[in-house]
Amino acid sequence: MQEALVKLNERWSLESTPDIKIRTGINTARVLVGNYGCDYRLSYTALGDGVNLASRLEASNKAFGTVVMVSEATMEAAVDGFHFRRLGRILVPGKIQIVTVYELLFEKARPCALASCPESKIEDPKVLYHWQWVHKDLILQ
């Protein structure tokens, strides 16, 4: 989604249209999803604490300067396929537990544009994040 947005913003910049920015919060939890309401007015929605946490993560992106923030549960579920950077521990409104949050960086299986792609060699997330930030234009290709 972010890659498509970069291309869209590039195209729109030629037409002097303002850029669009999207932030995403992702949490992994059991929630209730479906049509709720009555016969004459149904609404498809998701309900539950997990949905509320995802919403709070989306809003927390702004403070961290990130685009995609995920919960620890999501990071643990997806760590085999993606690189993450630990952002820290935050207390989100409406919760009494502190939540550890991560930034989703990029997919591990994705081919690297550099000849000396370091993803598999870097174990320190800070170093990996620095490499990713310096070469972000190559990752978006």
N, C-alpha and C. Protein backbone atom coordinates (compact mmCIF):
# COMPACT_ATOMS: atom_id res chain seq x y z
N MET A 1 0.83 -1.18 0.00
CA MET A 1 0.00 0.00 0.00
C MET A 1 0.88 1.25 0.00
N GLN A 2 1.93 1.24 0.81
CA GLN A 2 2.81 2.40 0.87
C GLN A 2 3.55 2.60 -0.45
N GLU A 3 3.95 1.50 -1.09
CA GLU A 3 4.64 1.61 -2.37
C GLU A 3 3.72 2.19 -3.44
N ALA A 4 2.48 1.75 -3.46
CA ALA A 4 1.51 2.28 -4.41
C ALA A 4 1.27 3.77 -4.15
N LEU A 5 1.27 4.16 -2.89
CA LEU A 5 1.06 5.56 -2.53
C LEU A 5 2.22 6.43 -3.00
N VAL A 6 3.46 5.91 -2.91
CA VAL A 6 4.62 6.66 -3.40
C VAL A 6 4.47 6.94 -4.89
N LYS A 7 4.09 5.91 -5.65
CA LYS A 7 3.91 6.08 -7.09
C LYS A 7 2.77 7.05 -7.40
N LEU A 8 1.70 6.95 -6.65
CA LEU A 8 0.56 7.83 -6.85
C LEU A 8 0.93 9.28 -6.54
N ASN A 9 1.66 9.49 -5.45
CA ASN A 9 2.08 10.86 -5.10
C ASN A 9 3.03 11.43 -6.14
N GLU A 10 3.91 10.57 -6.71
CA GLU A 10 4.80 11.03 -7.77
C GLU A 10 4.00 11.50 -8.98
N ARG A 11 2.99 10.72 -9.34
CA ARG A 11 2.16 11.08 -10.49
C ARG A 11 1.38 12.36 -10.20
N TRP A 12 0.83 12.47 -9.00
CA TRP A 12 0.06 13.65 -8.66
C TRP A 12 0.93 14.90 -8.53
N SER A 13 2.21 14.73 -8.17
CA SER A 13 3.08 15.91 -8.03
C SER A 13 3.24 16.62 -9.37
N LEU A 14 3.15 15.86 -10.46
CA LEU A 14 3.22 16.47 -11.80
C LEU A 14 2.00 17.34 -12.07
N GLU A 15 0.90 17.05 -11.37
CA GLU A 15 -0.34 17.80 -11.54
C GLU A 15 -0.53 18.83 -10.43
N SER A 16 0.52 19.05 -9.63
CA SER A 16 0.48 19.99 -8.49
C SER A 16 -0.58 19.62 -7.46
N THR A 17 -0.83 18.32 -7.29
CA THR A 17 -1.77 17.85 -6.28
C THR A 17 -1.00 17.53 -5.00
N PRO A 18 -1.52 17.90 -3.83
CA PRO A 18 -0.81 17.63 -2.58
C PRO A 18 -0.62 16.12 -2.34
N ASP A 19 0.47 15.78 -1.66
CA ASP A 19 0.74 14.39 -1.31
C ASP A 19 -0.28 13.88 -0.30
N ILE A 20 -0.52 12.57 -0.37
CA ILE A 20 -1.34 11.89 0.62
C ILE A 20 -0.42 11.06 1.48
N LYS A 21 -0.62 11.08 2.78
CA LYS A 21 0.16 10.26 3.71
C LYS A 21 -0.79 9.35 4.47
N ILE A 22 -0.37 8.09 4.63
CA ILE A 22 -1.20 7.11 5.33
C ILE A 22 -0.38 6.48 6.44
N ARG A 23 -0.97 6.40 7.62
CA ARG A 23 -0.35 5.68 8.74
C ARG A 23 -1.23 4.48 9.06
N THR A 24 -0.58 3.38 9.47
CA THR A 24 -1.31 2.15 9.73
C THR A 24 -0.92 1.58 11.09
N GLY A 25 -1.89 1.09 11.83
CA GLY A 25 -1.65 0.36 13.08
C GLY A 25 -2.17 -1.06 12.93
N ILE A 26 -1.34 -2.03 13.27
CA ILE A 26 -1.73 -3.44 13.11
C ILE A 26 -1.56 -4.16 14.43
N ASN A 27 -2.60 -4.86 14.84
CA ASN A 27 -2.57 -5.67 16.05
C ASN A 27 -3.12 -7.05 15.71
N THR A 28 -2.63 -8.07 16.39
CA THR A 28 -3.12 -9.43 16.20
C THR A 28 -3.86 -9.84 17.46
N ALA A 29 -5.17 -10.12 17.32
CA ALA A 29 -5.99 -10.48 18.47
C ALA A 29 -7.30 -11.09 17.99
N ARG A 30 -8.00 -11.74 18.88
CA ARG A 30 -9.34 -12.24 18.56
C ARG A 30 -10.33 -11.08 18.72
N VAL A 31 -11.13 -10.87 17.68
CA VAL A 31 -12.11 -9.80 17.70
C VAL A 31 -13.42 -10.31 17.10
N LEU A 32 -14.46 -9.55 17.26
CA LEU A 32 -15.75 -9.86 16.64
C LEU A 32 -15.87 -9.07 15.35
N VAL A 33 -16.13 -9.77 14.26
CA VAL A 33 -16.23 -9.11 12.95
C VAL A 33 -17.50 -9.59 12.26
N GLY A 34 -18.24 -8.67 11.69
CA GLY A 34 -19.43 -9.07 10.95
C GLY A 34 -20.42 -7.93 10.80
N ASN A 35 -21.61 -8.28 10.34
CA ASN A 35 -22.68 -7.31 10.18
C ASN A 35 -23.41 -7.15 11.51
N TYR A 36 -23.47 -5.93 11.97
CA TYR A 36 -24.17 -5.63 13.22
C TYR A 36 -25.27 -4.62 12.94
N GLY A 37 -26.34 -4.74 13.65
CA GLY A 37 -27.44 -3.80 13.49
C GLY A 37 -28.76 -4.53 13.44
N CYS A 38 -29.68 -3.97 12.68
CA CYS A 38 -31.01 -4.56 12.56
C CYS A 38 -31.34 -4.76 11.07
N ASP A 39 -32.52 -5.25 10.79
CA ASP A 39 -32.90 -5.58 9.41
C ASP A 39 -32.79 -4.41 8.44
N TYR A 40 -33.12 -3.22 8.87
CA TYR A 40 -33.13 -2.09 7.94
C TYR A 40 -31.82 -1.30 7.94
N ARG A 41 -30.90 -1.62 8.85
CA ARG A 41 -29.62 -0.93 8.85
C ARG A 41 -28.53 -1.84 9.42
N LEU A 42 -27.73 -2.39 8.53
CA LEU A 42 -26.61 -3.24 8.94
C LEU A 42 -25.30 -2.50 8.70
N SER A 43 -24.35 -2.77 9.54
CA SER A 43 -23.03 -2.17 9.39
C SER A 43 -21.99 -3.25 9.60
N TYR A 44 -21.10 -3.42 8.63
CA TYR A 44 -20.01 -4.38 8.77
C TYR A 44 -18.91 -3.71 9.57
N THR A 45 -18.53 -4.31 10.69
CA THR A 45 -17.56 -3.68 11.57
C THR A 45 -16.77 -4.72 12.34
N ALA A 46 -15.76 -4.28 13.02
CA ALA A 46 -14.95 -5.13 13.90
C ALA A 46 -15.00 -4.51 15.29
N LEU A 47 -15.18 -5.35 16.29
CA LEU A 47 -15.32 -4.89 17.67
C LEU A 47 -14.36 -5.66 18.57
N GLY A 48 -13.86 -4.98 19.58
CA GLY A 48 -13.03 -5.65 20.57
C GLY A 48 -11.81 -4.84 20.95
N ASP A 49 -11.15 -5.27 22.02
CA ASP A 49 -9.98 -4.59 22.53
C ASP A 49 -8.85 -4.58 21.50
N GLY A 50 -8.73 -5.66 20.72
CA GLY A 50 -7.69 -5.73 19.70
C GLY A 50 -7.85 -4.68 18.62
N VAL A 51 -9.09 -4.39 18.26
CA VAL A 51 -9.37 -3.36 17.26
C VAL A 51 -9.02 -1.98 17.83
N ASN A 52 -9.37 -1.76 19.09
CA ASN A 52 -9.06 -0.48 19.73
C ASN A 52 -7.55 -0.26 19.81
N LEU A 53 -6.78 -1.33 20.12
CA LEU A 53 -5.33 -1.19 20.19
C LEU A 53 -4.75 -0.85 18.82
N ALA A 54 -5.22 -1.50 17.77
CA ALA A 54 -4.75 -1.19 16.42
C ALA A 54 -5.00 0.28 16.08
N SER A 55 -6.14 0.79 16.48
CA SER A 55 -6.47 2.20 16.25
C SER A 55 -5.52 3.12 17.00
N ARG A 56 -5.20 2.76 18.22
CA ARG A 56 -4.26 3.57 19.03
C ARG A 56 -2.85 3.52 18.44
N LEU A 57 -2.47 2.37 17.89
CA LEU A 57 -1.15 2.26 17.25
C LEU A 57 -1.07 3.15 16.03
N GLU A 58 -2.15 3.16 15.25
CA GLU A 58 -2.18 4.03 14.06
C GLU A 58 -1.96 5.48 14.47
N ALA A 59 -2.61 5.91 15.52
CA ALA A 59 -2.47 7.29 15.98
C ALA A 59 -1.08 7.55 16.56
N SER A 60 -0.47 6.55 17.16
CA SER A 60 0.86 6.70 17.78
C SER A 60 1.98 6.84 16.75
N ASN A 61 1.73 6.45 15.51
CA ASN A 61 2.73 6.60 14.45
C ASN A 61 3.24 8.03 14.35
N LYS A 62 2.36 8.97 14.53
CA LYS A 62 2.72 10.38 14.36
C LYS A 62 3.82 10.77 15.35
N ALA A 63 3.69 10.34 16.59
CA ALA A 63 4.67 10.68 17.62
C ALA A 63 6.04 10.05 17.34
N PHE A 64 6.05 8.88 16.72
CA PHE A 64 7.30 8.17 16.44
C PHE A 64 7.86 8.51 15.05
N GLY A 65 7.08 9.20 14.24
CA GLY A 65 7.52 9.50 12.89
C GLY A 65 7.57 8.27 12.00
N THR A 66 6.70 7.31 12.28
CA THR A 66 6.67 6.06 11.52
C THR A 66 5.41 5.99 10.67
N VAL A 67 5.35 4.96 9.82
CA VAL A 67 4.22 4.81 8.91
C VAL A 67 3.38 3.59 9.29
N VAL A 68 4.04 2.48 9.63
CA VAL A 68 3.33 1.26 10.01
C VAL A 68 3.84 0.80 11.36
N MET A 69 2.98 0.86 12.37
CA MET A 69 3.31 0.42 13.72
C MET A 69 2.52 -0.84 14.04
N VAL A 70 3.21 -1.82 14.64
CA VAL A 70 2.55 -3.08 14.98
C VAL A 70 2.76 -3.40 16.45
N SER A 71 1.87 -4.21 16.98
CA SER A 71 1.98 -4.66 18.36
C SER A 71 2.97 -5.81 18.45
N GLU A 72 3.33 -6.16 19.67
CA GLU A 72 4.25 -7.28 19.87
C GLU A 72 3.64 -8.59 19.38
N ALA A 73 2.34 -8.75 19.55
CA ALA A 73 1.66 -9.97 19.09
C ALA A 73 1.78 -10.12 17.57
N THR A 74 1.64 -9.02 16.85
CA THR A 74 1.77 -9.06 15.40
C THR A 74 3.21 -9.33 15.00
N MET A 75 4.16 -8.67 15.67
CA MET A 75 5.57 -8.88 15.35
C MET A 75 5.93 -10.35 15.55
N GLU A 76 5.50 -10.95 16.65
CA GLU A 76 5.81 -12.36 16.91
C GLU A 76 5.18 -13.28 15.87
N ALA A 77 4.00 -12.94 15.40
CA ALA A 77 3.32 -13.76 14.40
C ALA A 77 3.95 -13.64 13.02
N ALA A 78 4.60 -12.51 12.73
CA ALA A 78 5.10 -12.26 11.38
C ALA A 78 6.62 -12.15 11.29
N VAL A 79 7.33 -12.42 12.37
CA VAL A 79 8.78 -12.19 12.41
C VAL A 79 9.54 -13.04 11.39
N ASP A 80 9.01 -14.18 11.00
CA ASP A 80 9.69 -15.02 10.02
C ASP A 80 9.67 -14.42 8.62
N GLY A 81 8.72 -13.54 8.35
CA GLY A 81 8.59 -13.00 7.00
C GLY A 81 8.94 -11.54 6.84
N PHE A 82 9.13 -10.82 7.95
CA PHE A 82 9.35 -9.38 7.87
C PHE A 82 10.42 -8.93 8.84
N HIS A 83 11.04 -7.79 8.52
CA HIS A 83 11.98 -7.15 9.44
C HIS A 83 11.23 -6.08 10.22
N PHE A 84 11.52 -6.00 11.50
CA PHE A 84 10.89 -5.02 12.39
C PHE A 84 11.96 -4.25 13.14
N ARG A 85 11.58 -3.07 13.60
CA ARG A 85 12.43 -2.28 14.50
C ARG A 85 11.64 -2.01 15.76
N ARG A 86 12.22 -2.36 16.91
CA ARG A 86 11.55 -2.10 18.19
C ARG A 86 11.58 -0.60 18.46
N LEU A 87 10.40 -0.03 18.68
CA LEU A 87 10.29 1.40 18.94
C LEU A 87 10.34 1.71 20.43
N GLY A 88 9.75 0.85 21.23
CA GLY A 88 9.73 1.08 22.66
C GLY A 88 8.45 0.55 23.28
N ARG A 89 8.19 1.02 24.49
CA ARG A 89 6.99 0.61 25.22
C ARG A 89 6.15 1.85 25.46
N ILE A 90 4.86 1.73 25.16
CA ILE A 90 3.98 2.89 25.32
C ILE A 90 2.74 2.50 26.12
N LEU A 91 2.15 3.48 26.72
CA LEU A 91 0.87 3.31 27.41
C LEU A 91 -0.18 3.98 26.54
N VAL A 92 -1.06 3.19 25.96
CA VAL A 92 -2.08 3.75 25.08
C VAL A 92 -3.33 4.08 25.88
N PRO A 93 -4.05 5.12 25.47
CA PRO A 93 -5.28 5.49 26.18
C PRO A 93 -6.28 4.32 26.21
N GLY A 94 -6.89 4.13 27.36
CA GLY A 94 -7.88 3.07 27.49
C GLY A 94 -7.31 1.74 27.94
N LYS A 95 -5.99 1.65 28.10
CA LYS A 95 -5.37 0.40 28.54
C LYS A 95 -4.57 0.67 29.81
N ILE A 96 -4.45 -0.36 30.63
CA ILE A 96 -3.63 -0.21 31.84
C ILE A 96 -2.28 -0.91 31.69
N GLN A 97 -2.16 -1.75 30.67
CA GLN A 97 -0.90 -2.43 30.42
C GLN A 97 -0.05 -1.63 29.44
N ILE A 98 1.25 -1.64 29.66
CA ILE A 98 2.17 -1.01 28.73
C ILE A 98 2.34 -1.95 27.53
N VAL A 99 2.37 -1.39 26.33
CA VAL A 99 2.43 -2.17 25.10
C VAL A 99 3.78 -1.93 24.42
N THR A 100 4.46 -3.01 24.03
CA THR A 100 5.69 -2.90 23.26
C THR A 100 5.31 -2.79 21.79
N VAL A 101 5.87 -1.78 21.12
CA VAL A 101 5.50 -1.53 19.73
C VAL A 101 6.72 -1.59 18.82
N TYR A 102 6.45 -1.93 17.56
CA TYR A 102 7.50 -2.12 16.56
C TYR A 102 7.09 -1.40 15.28
N GLU A 103 8.11 -1.03 14.50
CA GLU A 103 7.86 -0.49 13.18
C GLU A 103 8.09 -1.62 12.18
N LEU A 104 7.16 -1.80 11.26
CA LEU A 104 7.33 -2.75 10.18
C LEU A 104 8.24 -2.12 9.14
N LEU A 105 9.36 -2.78 8.83
CA LEU A 105 10.32 -2.21 7.89
C LEU A 105 10.11 -2.72 6.47
N PHE A 106 10.36 -4.02 6.24
CA PHE A 106 10.18 -4.57 4.90
C PHE A 106 10.15 -6.08 4.97
N GLU A 107 9.71 -6.67 3.88
CA GLU A 107 9.56 -8.12 3.79
C GLU A 107 10.94 -8.77 3.59
N LYS A 108 11.19 -9.86 4.32
CA LYS A 108 12.49 -10.54 4.24
C LYS A 108 12.72 -11.18 2.88
N ALA A 109 11.69 -11.71 2.25
CA ALA A 109 11.85 -12.41 0.99
C ALA A 109 12.05 -11.48 -0.20
N ARG A 110 11.88 -10.22 0.03
CA ARG A 110 11.98 -9.25 -1.06
C ARG A 110 13.42 -9.12 -1.54
N PRO A 111 13.64 -9.16 -2.84
CA PRO A 111 15.01 -9.01 -3.34
C PRO A 111 15.53 -7.61 -3.05
N CYS A 112 16.80 -7.55 -2.73
CA CYS A 112 17.43 -6.26 -2.40
C CYS A 112 18.03 -5.66 -3.65
N ALA A 113 17.97 -4.36 -3.78
CA ALA A 113 18.48 -3.68 -4.97
C ALA A 113 20.00 -3.51 -4.93
N LEU A 114 20.61 -3.71 -3.77
CA LEU A 114 22.06 -3.57 -3.66
C LEU A 114 22.75 -4.91 -3.86
N ALA A 115 23.95 -4.88 -4.41
CA ALA A 115 24.71 -6.12 -4.60
C ALA A 115 25.11 -6.71 -3.26
N SER A 116 25.39 -5.86 -2.28
CA SER A 116 25.80 -6.34 -0.96
C SER A 116 24.67 -6.13 0.03
N CYS A 117 23.58 -6.81 -0.19
CA CYS A 117 22.40 -6.65 0.65
C CYS A 117 22.66 -7.22 2.05
N PRO A 118 22.58 -6.40 3.10
CA PRO A 118 22.99 -6.86 4.42
C PRO A 118 21.89 -7.45 5.30
N GLU A 119 20.67 -7.56 4.81
CA GLU A 119 19.59 -7.96 5.71
C GLU A 119 19.89 -9.25 6.47
N SER A 120 20.44 -10.23 5.77
CA SER A 120 20.67 -11.51 6.41
C SER A 120 21.85 -11.48 7.37
N LYS A 121 22.72 -10.47 7.24
CA LYS A 121 23.92 -10.40 8.07
C LYS A 121 23.72 -9.53 9.31
N ILE A 122 22.74 -8.67 9.31
CA ILE A 122 22.56 -7.72 10.40
C ILE A 122 21.66 -8.31 11.47
N GLU A 123 22.17 -8.34 12.69
CA GLU A 123 21.38 -8.86 13.80
C GLU A 123 20.91 -7.74 14.72
N ASP A 124 21.66 -6.64 14.78
CA ASP A 124 21.29 -5.53 15.63
C ASP A 124 20.22 -4.70 14.92
N PRO A 125 18.99 -4.62 15.49
CA PRO A 125 17.91 -3.89 14.82
C PRO A 125 18.23 -2.43 14.55
N LYS A 126 19.05 -1.80 15.39
CA LYS A 126 19.39 -0.39 15.17
C LYS A 126 20.24 -0.25 13.90
N VAL A 127 21.17 -1.17 13.71
CA VAL A 127 22.01 -1.13 12.51
C VAL A 127 21.16 -1.42 11.28
N LEU A 128 20.28 -2.42 11.39
CA LEU A 128 19.40 -2.76 10.27
C LEU A 128 18.51 -1.57 9.93
N TYR A 129 17.97 -0.90 10.94
CA TYR A 129 17.12 0.25 10.68
C TYR A 129 17.92 1.35 10.00
N HIS A 130 19.15 1.59 10.46
CA HIS A 130 19.97 2.63 9.85
C HIS A 130 20.22 2.31 8.38
N TRP A 131 20.57 1.05 8.09
CA TRP A 131 20.79 0.65 6.71
C TRP A 131 19.52 0.87 5.90
N GLN A 132 18.39 0.46 6.46
CA GLN A 132 17.11 0.59 5.76
C GLN A 132 16.80 2.06 5.48
N TRP A 133 17.05 2.93 6.46
CA TRP A 133 16.73 4.34 6.30
C TRP A 133 17.63 4.97 5.24
N VAL A 134 18.90 4.66 5.25
CA VAL A 134 19.84 5.23 4.29
C VAL A 134 19.49 4.78 2.87
N HIS A 135 19.04 3.51 2.73
CA HIS A 135 18.77 2.96 1.41
C HIS A 135 17.27 2.79 1.13
N LYS A 136 16.45 3.60 1.75
CA LYS A 136 15.01 3.44 1.61
C LYS A 136 14.53 3.57 0.16
N ASP A 137 15.20 4.40 -0.62
CA ASP A 137 14.79 4.56 -2.02
C ASP A 137 15.01 3.27 -2.81
N LEU A 138 15.99 2.46 -2.43
CA LEU A 138 16.23 1.19 -3.11
C LEU A 138 15.21 0.14 -2.71
N ILE A 139 14.76 0.18 -1.47
CA ILE A 139 13.79 -0.80 -1.00
C ILE A 139 12.43 -0.57 -1.66
N LEU A 140 12.09 0.67 -1.95
CA LEU A 140 10.78 0.98 -2.53
C LEU A 140 10.68 0.60 -4.00
N GLN A 141 11.78 0.23 -4.64
CA GLN A 141 11.73 -0.12 -6.06
C GLN A 141 11.08 -1.46 -6.27
